[in-house]
Amino acid sequence: MKLVPIGLIALVHGLAADCPSPPANPEEALARFHELDKKAQVEFRRGEFAKAAENFQQGACVAPEDLRSYYELFGTAIGAAAAGKFDQARHVLQKADALRPDYPLPLAMLVKVNLTSRDADQVKDSLRTAAQRFPLDGRLHAEFVKDLLHQQLPDLALAEALRFEQSGDRDPEATITLAVLENNVGAFGDAVRHALAIEERSELHNDVRASGATIAGLAYENLVRLAEAVQHLKRATEFAPAREDPYLALARIYDKQQNAKAAVEILEQGRKQIPNSPKLSLALGSSLVSAGQYPAAVKVLAELVQRAPDELDAYPKLAEAHREMGEASQATATLRQLAQRKADYPMLHIAIAQSMLAADPADYPGVLGELAQAEKVSPTDYDVYYLRGKVYLAMSKYREAIAAFRYAVALRPAEPGAYYQLGLAYRKSGQPALATEQFQRVEYLKSQPARP
């Protein structure tokens, strides 16, 4: 049997000397104890160890006599954890667990301390002990799931989720957590089953049922059962009209179905409920671009970047809408705004080069400068060489154009666009046989079945 170090015993008993005078009324003392106990446990779960230790220690001062030494141990252990003394905290919690082996709180604390100290072996050992001693405590295993997910340990979390299910506990929050986890790890059928169990419970609050319906929809989407996904996501919007996730998921499914009109409609419905949601505005603007409704897209996206200038993904879509409307200069200006906010935004120099190339007249040296910047970031980017070839071709620099297009062909040998442009460059440079060869390659590639 392990012994508690003498220093810890002294610390535990020293806590009593720091206690303020307890309330004279025993009922008031008990109410104060329950208040401090609840507060300390919440703080502990949040990882606020120092605050939790203080409230456990204060709770020990007003605890019933048979619990006082027990809560003194809690205060000591969590105080040690707050100071980073995890071995000491672990030792004291094991002592508390030995005092009351029928009570799961010390083991729950031990798991949290072990997770915080990132001791994988200790985590597994304490989880194994909890599974052996409290196999039917669904709430305990549900809390473990949350902690393990927070520490990005999905395999251990899934094992605890299965223990929660085996306990028969029907706690809605824990069931939703289980469904989310199952959906994330690819157990889509199980996720549907647990999510529907929540969605169909009419006694639950609509917000809770909306969570179930949303997860069911997402799991059905992953199963590529899109009609059922749409059905449940629409139910989620009915249960909780002010939640944005179901609208966004529905729009994503409609995009997969190439139904831009339906995506626009559901996002406009969502914006009526949540008018200031940047995510809904961005999704709506993107769907309007896909639907070819460029003026409407410009209106939505321009308002978004004005209201939420750090919504960076709105700028390329706004630039695309301007470019499709023949407003190349506005497209370029929009992308330069993005460059001021995030110079390393992916593919930014390529996008600026495309906008500049669409202008009339085009600033060819400026386009080449943007492409040079893009090449520094991604030296094997097909678009760098394809666009560079188009610039040289427009400038009648056929030798440079041919070299650029040949490089592009080498990067994407199944892409017909570069072969076609290479054929044009050969023809304009007075090499008709080579030009014909490239055009024949284009026809051959176009005759091949489309790749999935």
Protein backbone atom coordinates (compact mmCIF):
# COMPACT_ATOMS: atom_id res chain seq x y z
CA MET A 1 0.00 0.00 0.00
CA LYS A 2 1.36 3.41 -1.01
CA LEU A 3 1.82 5.97 1.75
CA VAL A 4 1.03 9.67 1.46
CA PRO A 5 4.22 11.74 1.93
CA ILE A 6 4.47 13.47 5.31
CA GLY A 7 4.66 16.84 3.56
CA LEU A 8 1.29 16.26 1.95
CA ILE A 9 -0.29 15.22 5.23
CA ALA A 10 0.96 18.45 6.77
CA LEU A 11 -0.43 20.44 3.87
CA VAL A 12 -3.82 18.76 4.10
CA HIS A 13 -4.15 19.38 7.82
CA GLY A 14 -2.83 22.88 7.38
CA LEU A 15 -5.84 23.76 5.29
CA ALA A 16 -8.12 23.69 8.29
CA ALA A 17 -6.14 26.49 9.92
CA ASP A 18 -6.92 28.76 6.94
CA CYS A 19 -10.67 28.20 7.14
CA PRO A 20 -12.88 31.21 7.84
CA SER A 21 -15.51 30.89 10.52
CA PRO A 22 -18.23 28.57 9.18
CA PRO A 23 -21.88 29.69 9.06
CA ALA A 24 -23.60 29.22 12.40
CA ASN A 25 -26.63 27.62 10.76
CA PRO A 26 -25.87 24.01 9.69
CA GLU A 27 -28.30 24.32 6.75
CA GLU A 28 -26.46 27.41 5.51
CA ALA A 29 -23.14 25.58 5.85
CA LEU A 30 -24.44 22.64 3.83
CA ALA A 31 -25.82 24.95 1.12
CA ARG A 32 -22.47 26.76 0.96
CA PHE A 33 -20.67 23.40 0.65
CA HIS A 34 -22.85 22.31 -2.28
CA GLU A 35 -22.34 25.69 -3.96
CA LEU A 36 -18.54 25.50 -3.64
CA ASP A 37 -18.47 21.82 -4.67
CA LYS A 38 -20.41 22.49 -7.85
CA LYS A 39 -18.32 25.54 -8.71
CA ALA A 40 -15.05 23.69 -8.10
CA GLN A 41 -16.07 20.73 -10.28
CA VAL A 42 -17.06 23.03 -13.15
CA GLU A 43 -13.76 24.91 -12.88
CA PHE A 44 -11.86 21.66 -12.78
CA ARG A 45 -13.56 20.41 -15.94
CA ARG A 46 -12.58 23.65 -17.67
CA GLY A 47 -8.97 23.12 -16.67
CA GLU A 48 -9.02 26.09 -14.27
CA PHE A 49 -7.06 24.16 -11.67
CA ALA A 50 -6.04 27.06 -9.44
CA LYS A 51 -9.62 28.29 -9.03
CA ALA A 52 -10.89 24.75 -8.53
CA ALA A 53 -8.28 24.07 -5.84
CA GLU A 54 -9.27 27.20 -3.95
CA ASN A 55 -12.97 26.31 -4.01
CA PHE A 56 -12.34 22.68 -3.05
CA GLN A 57 -10.31 23.94 -0.09
CA GLN A 58 -13.05 26.38 0.92
CA GLY A 59 -15.61 23.62 0.44
CA ALA A 60 -13.64 21.41 2.83
CA CYS A 61 -14.07 24.08 5.50
CA VAL A 62 -17.88 23.78 5.43
CA ALA A 63 -18.20 20.15 4.35
CA PRO A 64 -19.99 17.62 6.53
CA GLU A 65 -17.60 15.98 8.97
CA ASP A 66 -17.47 12.67 7.06
CA LEU A 67 -16.46 14.47 3.83
CA ARG A 68 -14.07 17.07 5.18
CA SER A 69 -10.81 15.13 4.91
CA TYR A 70 -11.94 13.88 1.50
CA TYR A 71 -12.36 17.40 0.12
CA GLU A 72 -9.12 18.49 1.73
CA LEU A 73 -7.44 15.85 -0.43
CA PHE A 74 -9.18 17.25 -3.51
CA GLY A 75 -7.95 20.75 -2.74
CA THR A 76 -4.41 19.48 -2.19
CA ALA A 77 -4.37 17.39 -5.38
CA ILE A 78 -5.76 20.08 -7.67
CA GLY A 79 -3.49 22.68 -6.10
CA ALA A 80 -0.53 20.44 -6.98
CA ALA A 81 -1.84 20.04 -10.54
CA ALA A 82 -2.17 23.82 -10.84
CA ALA A 83 1.52 24.08 -9.89
CA GLY A 84 2.46 21.46 -12.50
CA LYS A 85 3.26 18.86 -9.84
CA PHE A 86 1.37 16.08 -11.58
CA ASP A 87 3.00 13.14 -9.76
CA GLN A 88 2.00 14.70 -6.46
CA ALA A 89 -1.54 15.40 -7.70
CA ARG A 90 -1.85 11.83 -8.96
CA HIS A 91 -0.67 10.40 -5.64
CA VAL A 92 -3.21 12.39 -3.60
CA LEU A 93 -6.09 11.52 -5.93
CA GLN A 94 -5.22 7.86 -5.62
CA LYS A 95 -5.44 8.32 -1.84
CA ALA A 96 -8.88 9.96 -2.21
CA ASP A 97 -9.99 7.14 -4.48
CA ALA A 98 -8.90 4.56 -1.94
CA LEU A 99 -10.99 6.30 0.75
CA ARG A 100 -14.19 6.04 -1.33
CA PRO A 101 -13.81 3.45 -4.08
CA ASP A 102 -17.58 3.62 -4.77
CA TYR A 103 -17.39 7.31 -5.82
CA PRO A 104 -16.21 8.10 -9.40
CA LEU A 105 -15.07 11.71 -8.90
CA PRO A 106 -11.44 10.94 -7.89
CA LEU A 107 -11.01 8.70 -10.96
CA ALA A 108 -12.56 11.36 -13.20
CA MET A 109 -10.10 13.89 -11.79
CA LEU A 110 -7.25 11.41 -12.24
CA VAL A 111 -8.09 11.04 -15.94
CA LYS A 112 -8.12 14.82 -16.36
CA VAL A 113 -4.80 15.26 -14.56
CA ASN A 114 -3.21 12.50 -16.63
CA LEU A 115 -4.49 14.06 -19.83
CA THR A 116 -3.15 17.44 -18.79
CA SER A 117 0.24 15.95 -18.04
CA ARG A 118 0.12 14.09 -21.40
CA ASP A 119 1.03 10.80 -19.79
CA ALA A 120 -0.54 8.31 -22.22
CA ASP A 121 0.13 5.23 -20.11
CA GLN A 122 -1.41 6.81 -17.02
CA VAL A 123 -4.42 7.96 -19.06
CA LYS A 124 -5.06 4.43 -20.31
CA ASP A 125 -4.56 2.97 -16.86
CA SER A 126 -7.03 5.32 -15.19
CA LEU A 127 -9.59 4.81 -18.00
CA ARG A 128 -9.23 1.05 -17.62
CA THR A 129 -9.83 1.31 -13.85
CA ALA A 130 -12.92 3.47 -14.41
CA ALA A 131 -14.29 0.97 -16.95
CA GLN A 132 -13.83 -1.90 -14.49
CA ARG A 133 -15.34 -0.15 -11.48
CA PHE A 134 -18.04 1.98 -13.09
CA PRO A 135 -19.10 0.19 -16.31
CA LEU A 136 -22.69 1.49 -16.14
CA ASP A 137 -21.95 5.13 -15.28
CA GLY A 138 -22.89 6.60 -18.66
CA ARG A 139 -22.38 10.21 -17.61
CA LEU A 140 -18.83 9.46 -16.44
CA HIS A 141 -17.88 7.85 -19.75
CA ALA A 142 -19.57 10.66 -21.68
CA GLU A 143 -17.40 13.19 -19.86
CA PHE A 144 -14.34 11.12 -20.72
CA VAL A 145 -15.35 11.29 -24.40
CA LYS A 146 -15.33 15.10 -24.30
CA ASP A 147 -11.96 15.26 -22.55
CA LEU A 148 -10.38 12.76 -24.94
CA LEU A 149 -11.72 14.55 -28.01
CA HIS A 150 -10.39 17.82 -26.65
CA GLN A 151 -6.95 16.21 -26.40
CA GLN A 152 -7.36 14.80 -29.95
CA LEU A 153 -7.41 11.16 -28.89
CA PRO A 154 -10.28 9.85 -31.07
CA ASP A 155 -9.51 6.13 -30.63
CA LEU A 156 -9.73 6.33 -26.84
CA ALA A 157 -12.77 8.61 -27.15
CA LEU A 158 -14.56 6.08 -29.33
CA ALA A 159 -13.92 3.32 -26.79
CA GLU A 160 -15.42 5.51 -24.06
CA ALA A 161 -18.34 6.37 -26.32
CA LEU A 162 -19.10 2.67 -26.73
CA ARG A 163 -18.98 2.27 -22.94
CA PHE A 164 -21.47 5.12 -22.67
CA GLU A 165 -23.79 3.36 -25.11
CA GLN A 166 -23.50 0.05 -23.24
CA SER A 167 -24.47 1.80 -20.01
CA GLY A 168 -27.97 2.41 -21.40
CA ASP A 169 -27.78 6.10 -20.47
CA ARG A 170 -30.09 8.24 -22.66
CA ASP A 171 -28.55 11.58 -21.77
CA PRO A 172 -29.17 13.77 -24.87
CA GLU A 173 -25.94 15.76 -24.73
CA ALA A 174 -23.84 12.62 -24.38
CA THR A 175 -25.75 10.87 -27.17
CA ILE A 176 -25.15 13.83 -29.48
CA THR A 177 -21.46 13.79 -28.59
CA LEU A 178 -21.38 10.09 -29.44
CA ALA A 179 -23.10 10.69 -32.80
CA VAL A 180 -20.66 13.49 -33.68
CA LEU A 181 -17.71 11.27 -32.83
CA GLU A 182 -19.07 8.37 -34.87
CA ASN A 183 -19.65 10.64 -37.84
CA ASN A 184 -16.10 11.99 -37.56
CA VAL A 185 -14.49 8.55 -37.45
CA GLY A 186 -16.55 7.13 -40.33
CA ALA A 187 -19.15 5.12 -38.41
CA PHE A 188 -21.90 6.89 -40.35
CA GLY A 189 -24.65 4.30 -39.81
CA ASP A 190 -24.17 4.41 -36.03
CA ALA A 191 -24.10 8.21 -36.15
CA VAL A 192 -27.44 8.22 -37.96
CA ARG A 193 -28.95 5.83 -35.41
CA HIS A 194 -27.91 7.90 -32.40
CA ALA A 195 -28.73 11.24 -34.03
CA LEU A 196 -32.23 10.07 -35.00
CA ALA A 197 -32.78 8.88 -31.43
CA ILE A 198 -32.42 12.52 -30.37
CA GLU A 199 -34.28 14.07 -33.31
CA GLU A 200 -37.34 11.87 -32.69
CA ARG A 201 -37.66 12.56 -28.93
CA SER A 202 -40.56 15.00 -28.88
CA GLU A 203 -40.12 15.81 -25.19
CA LEU A 204 -36.71 17.39 -25.82
CA HIS A 205 -36.17 21.08 -26.51
CA ASN A 206 -36.18 21.98 -30.20
CA ASP A 207 -32.54 23.15 -30.02
CA VAL A 208 -31.50 19.67 -28.88
CA ARG A 209 -33.61 17.99 -31.56
CA ALA A 210 -32.07 20.33 -34.13
CA SER A 211 -28.64 19.06 -33.15
CA GLY A 212 -29.80 15.50 -33.71
CA ALA A 213 -31.34 16.35 -37.08
CA THR A 214 -28.21 18.18 -38.19
CA ILE A 215 -25.89 15.29 -37.32
CA ALA A 216 -28.26 12.84 -39.00
CA GLY A 217 -28.17 14.99 -42.12
CA LEU A 218 -24.38 15.18 -42.11
CA ALA A 219 -24.07 11.41 -41.63
CA TYR A 220 -26.51 10.75 -44.47
CA GLU A 221 -24.47 13.13 -46.62
CA ASN A 222 -21.37 11.07 -45.87
CA LEU A 223 -23.31 7.95 -46.85
CA VAL A 224 -24.16 9.72 -50.15
CA ARG A 225 -27.85 9.40 -49.34
CA LEU A 226 -28.44 13.01 -50.25
CA ALA A 227 -32.24 13.00 -50.36
CA GLU A 228 -32.36 11.80 -46.75
CA ALA A 229 -29.63 14.27 -45.79
CA VAL A 230 -31.72 17.13 -47.20
CA GLN A 231 -34.82 15.89 -45.38
CA HIS A 232 -33.18 15.92 -41.96
CA LEU A 233 -31.26 19.15 -42.46
CA LYS A 234 -34.50 20.87 -43.41
CA ARG A 235 -36.03 19.55 -40.19
CA ALA A 236 -33.10 21.08 -38.34
CA THR A 237 -33.90 24.49 -39.85
CA GLU A 238 -37.50 24.06 -38.67
CA PHE A 239 -36.46 23.11 -35.13
CA ALA A 240 -33.89 25.92 -34.82
CA PRO A 241 -34.30 28.55 -37.57
CA ALA A 242 -31.52 30.74 -36.11
CA ARG A 243 -28.78 28.10 -36.51
CA GLU A 244 -26.53 28.55 -39.51
CA ASP A 245 -24.98 25.06 -39.83
CA PRO A 246 -28.02 23.30 -41.37
CA TYR A 247 -28.38 26.02 -44.04
CA LEU A 248 -24.68 25.77 -44.92
CA ALA A 249 -24.85 21.97 -45.11
CA LEU A 250 -27.93 22.10 -47.33
CA ALA A 251 -26.24 24.57 -49.66
CA ARG A 252 -23.18 22.32 -49.85
CA ILE A 253 -25.36 19.35 -50.84
CA TYR A 254 -27.17 21.40 -53.48
CA ASP A 255 -23.78 22.44 -54.86
CA LYS A 256 -22.84 18.75 -55.13
CA GLN A 257 -26.04 18.23 -57.07
CA GLN A 258 -25.15 21.25 -59.26
CA ASN A 259 -28.39 22.88 -58.15
CA ALA A 260 -27.20 26.45 -57.61
CA LYS A 261 -30.75 27.78 -57.62
CA ALA A 262 -31.74 25.63 -54.63
CA ALA A 263 -28.52 26.59 -52.82
CA VAL A 264 -29.30 30.27 -53.31
CA GLU A 265 -32.86 29.80 -52.05
CA ILE A 266 -31.89 27.99 -48.84
CA LEU A 267 -29.12 30.48 -48.07
CA GLU A 268 -31.46 33.42 -48.62
CA GLN A 269 -33.87 31.72 -46.22
CA GLY A 270 -31.05 31.42 -43.71
CA ARG A 271 -30.05 35.06 -44.10
CA LYS A 272 -33.59 36.14 -43.23
CA GLN A 273 -33.19 34.34 -39.92
CA ILE A 274 -29.54 35.27 -39.32
CA PRO A 275 -28.95 38.47 -41.32
CA ASN A 276 -25.49 39.21 -39.91
CA SER A 277 -23.90 35.80 -40.43
CA PRO A 278 -20.64 36.17 -42.42
CA LYS A 279 -20.64 32.45 -43.24
CA LEU A 280 -24.10 32.59 -44.77
CA SER A 281 -23.24 35.73 -46.74
CA LEU A 282 -20.08 34.13 -48.11
CA ALA A 283 -21.90 30.93 -49.05
CA LEU A 284 -24.72 32.91 -50.67
CA GLY A 285 -22.29 35.04 -52.67
CA SER A 286 -20.46 31.90 -53.83
CA SER A 287 -23.72 30.22 -54.86
CA LEU A 288 -24.83 33.34 -56.74
CA VAL A 289 -21.54 33.22 -58.68
CA SER A 290 -22.16 29.53 -59.48
CA ALA A 291 -25.68 30.40 -60.61
CA GLY A 292 -24.34 33.11 -62.92
CA GLN A 293 -26.10 35.86 -60.96
CA TYR A 294 -23.05 38.08 -60.90
CA PRO A 295 -24.60 41.50 -60.03
CA ALA A 296 -26.41 39.93 -57.05
CA ALA A 297 -23.18 38.20 -56.02
CA VAL A 298 -21.26 41.48 -56.16
CA LYS A 299 -23.88 43.14 -53.98
CA VAL A 300 -23.77 40.43 -51.32
CA LEU A 301 -19.98 39.98 -51.30
CA ALA A 302 -19.12 43.69 -51.46
CA GLU A 303 -21.35 44.28 -48.45
CA LEU A 304 -19.67 41.37 -46.67
CA VAL A 305 -16.09 42.60 -47.15
CA GLN A 306 -17.21 46.05 -46.03
CA ARG A 307 -18.83 44.66 -42.88
CA ALA A 308 -16.36 41.84 -42.19
CA PRO A 309 -13.06 42.72 -43.92
CA ASP A 310 -11.27 39.73 -42.37
CA GLU A 311 -13.58 37.26 -44.13
CA LEU A 312 -10.75 36.56 -46.56
CA ASP A 313 -12.45 33.96 -48.76
CA ALA A 314 -14.99 36.57 -49.86
CA TYR A 315 -12.41 38.54 -51.87
CA PRO A 316 -11.61 35.90 -54.55
CA LYS A 317 -15.32 35.23 -55.09
CA LEU A 318 -16.04 38.95 -55.37
CA ALA A 319 -13.17 39.29 -57.84
CA GLU A 320 -14.54 36.36 -59.85
CA ALA A 321 -17.97 38.00 -60.05
CA HIS A 322 -16.41 41.28 -61.22
CA ARG A 323 -14.31 39.44 -63.79
CA GLU A 324 -17.33 37.56 -65.16
CA MET A 325 -19.09 40.92 -65.57
CA GLY A 326 -16.17 42.22 -67.62
CA GLU A 327 -14.96 44.43 -64.75
CA ALA A 328 -11.33 43.31 -64.75
CA SER A 329 -10.00 46.42 -63.02
CA GLN A 330 -12.45 46.00 -60.12
CA ALA A 331 -11.47 42.33 -59.88
CA THR A 332 -7.79 43.24 -59.65
CA ALA A 333 -8.46 45.97 -57.10
CA THR A 334 -10.43 43.51 -54.95
CA LEU A 335 -7.57 41.01 -55.00
CA ARG A 336 -5.07 43.71 -54.10
CA GLN A 337 -7.23 44.50 -51.08
CA LEU A 338 -6.87 40.86 -50.11
CA ALA A 339 -3.09 41.07 -50.60
CA GLN A 340 -2.95 43.94 -48.12
CA ARG A 341 -4.69 41.79 -45.51
CA LYS A 342 -2.96 38.46 -46.22
CA ALA A 343 -0.08 38.56 -48.66
CA ASP A 344 0.40 34.79 -48.55
CA TYR A 345 -3.22 33.91 -49.34
CA PRO A 346 -3.15 30.73 -51.50
CA MET A 347 -2.94 31.28 -55.28
CA LEU A 348 -3.27 35.04 -54.81
CA HIS A 349 -0.66 36.06 -57.40
CA ILE A 350 -2.20 33.67 -59.93
CA ALA A 351 -5.63 35.21 -59.37
CA ILE A 352 -4.24 38.75 -59.74
CA ALA A 353 -2.45 37.73 -62.93
CA GLN A 354 -5.68 36.29 -64.36
CA SER A 355 -7.57 39.51 -63.59
CA MET A 356 -4.85 41.69 -65.09
CA LEU A 357 -4.73 39.50 -68.19
CA ALA A 358 -8.49 39.97 -68.66
CA ALA A 359 -8.15 43.78 -68.73
CA ASP A 360 -8.22 45.70 -71.98
CA PRO A 361 -5.52 46.69 -72.56
CA ALA A 362 -3.66 44.13 -70.45
CA ASP A 363 -0.56 45.14 -68.51
CA TYR A 364 1.65 42.31 -69.76
CA PRO A 365 4.79 43.26 -67.78
CA GLY A 366 2.65 43.53 -64.66
CA VAL A 367 1.15 40.09 -65.30
CA LEU A 368 4.63 38.61 -65.74
CA GLY A 369 5.66 40.20 -62.45
CA GLU A 370 2.74 38.58 -60.61
CA LEU A 371 3.58 35.22 -62.20
CA ALA A 372 7.20 35.56 -61.09
CA GLN A 373 5.94 36.05 -57.51
CA ALA A 374 3.67 33.01 -57.88
CA GLU A 375 6.58 30.91 -59.15
CA LYS A 376 8.60 31.73 -56.03
CA VAL A 377 5.79 30.34 -53.89
CA SER A 378 5.00 27.32 -56.09
CA PRO A 379 7.66 26.62 -58.75
CA THR A 380 5.76 23.68 -60.27
CA ASP A 381 2.36 25.34 -60.60
CA TYR A 382 0.79 24.60 -63.99
CA ASP A 383 -1.07 27.91 -64.09
CA VAL A 384 2.17 29.90 -63.77
CA TYR A 385 3.54 28.49 -67.02
CA TYR A 386 0.21 28.34 -68.85
CA LEU A 387 -0.55 32.01 -68.15
CA ARG A 388 3.04 33.01 -68.83
CA GLY A 389 2.80 31.31 -72.22
CA LYS A 390 -0.39 33.21 -73.02
CA VAL A 391 1.29 36.50 -72.14
CA TYR A 392 4.31 35.76 -74.35
CA LEU A 393 2.00 34.64 -77.16
CA ALA A 394 0.08 37.92 -76.94
CA MET A 395 3.42 39.79 -76.99
CA SER A 396 4.51 37.80 -80.11
CA LYS A 397 7.42 36.30 -78.14
CA TYR A 398 6.88 32.87 -79.66
CA ARG A 399 10.07 31.17 -78.50
CA GLU A 400 9.36 32.11 -74.87
CA ALA A 401 5.70 31.13 -75.28
CA ILE A 402 6.65 27.70 -76.67
CA ALA A 403 9.04 27.08 -73.76
CA ALA A 404 6.36 28.04 -71.22
CA PHE A 405 3.65 25.89 -72.81
CA ARG A 406 5.99 22.90 -73.11
CA TYR A 407 6.68 23.18 -69.37
CA ALA A 408 2.94 23.37 -68.68
CA VAL A 409 2.38 20.25 -70.83
CA ALA A 410 5.04 18.40 -68.85
CA LEU A 411 3.27 19.31 -65.60
CA ARG A 412 -0.19 18.26 -66.83
CA PRO A 413 0.15 15.90 -69.80
CA ALA A 414 -3.59 15.15 -69.86
CA GLU A 415 -4.66 18.82 -69.97
CA PRO A 416 -5.71 19.79 -73.54
CA GLY A 417 -5.55 23.56 -72.96
CA ALA A 418 -1.76 23.80 -72.94
CA TYR A 419 -1.46 21.64 -76.10
CA TYR A 420 -3.88 23.93 -77.93
CA GLN A 421 -1.98 27.06 -76.92
CA LEU A 422 1.29 25.36 -77.82
CA GLY A 423 -0.16 24.58 -81.26
CA LEU A 424 -1.05 28.25 -81.73
CA ALA A 425 2.49 29.27 -80.74
CA TYR A 426 4.03 26.80 -83.23
CA ARG A 427 1.71 27.97 -86.01
CA LYS A 428 2.46 31.65 -85.42
CA SER A 429 6.18 30.91 -85.27
CA GLY A 430 6.05 29.28 -88.72
CA GLN A 431 6.16 25.61 -87.63
CA PRO A 432 2.90 24.18 -89.08
CA ALA A 433 3.83 20.49 -88.74
CA LEU A 434 4.45 20.85 -85.00
CA ALA A 435 1.27 22.91 -84.69
CA THR A 436 -0.78 20.15 -86.37
CA GLU A 437 0.72 17.57 -84.02
CA GLN A 438 -0.46 19.58 -80.98
CA PHE A 439 -3.96 20.10 -82.38
CA GLN A 440 -4.24 16.36 -83.03
CA ARG A 441 -3.24 15.71 -79.43
CA VAL A 442 -6.02 18.07 -78.31
CA GLU A 443 -8.61 16.10 -80.32
CA TYR A 444 -7.31 12.81 -78.93
CA LEU A 445 -7.55 14.03 -75.32
CA LYS A 446 -11.05 15.36 -75.87
CA SER A 447 -12.15 11.96 -77.22
CA GLN A 448 -11.08 10.15 -74.04
CA PRO A 449 -13.67 9.32 -71.32
CA ALA A 450 -13.80 11.88 -68.57
CA ARG A 451 -11.88 10.90 -65.44
CA PRO A 452 -13.92 10.51 -62.27
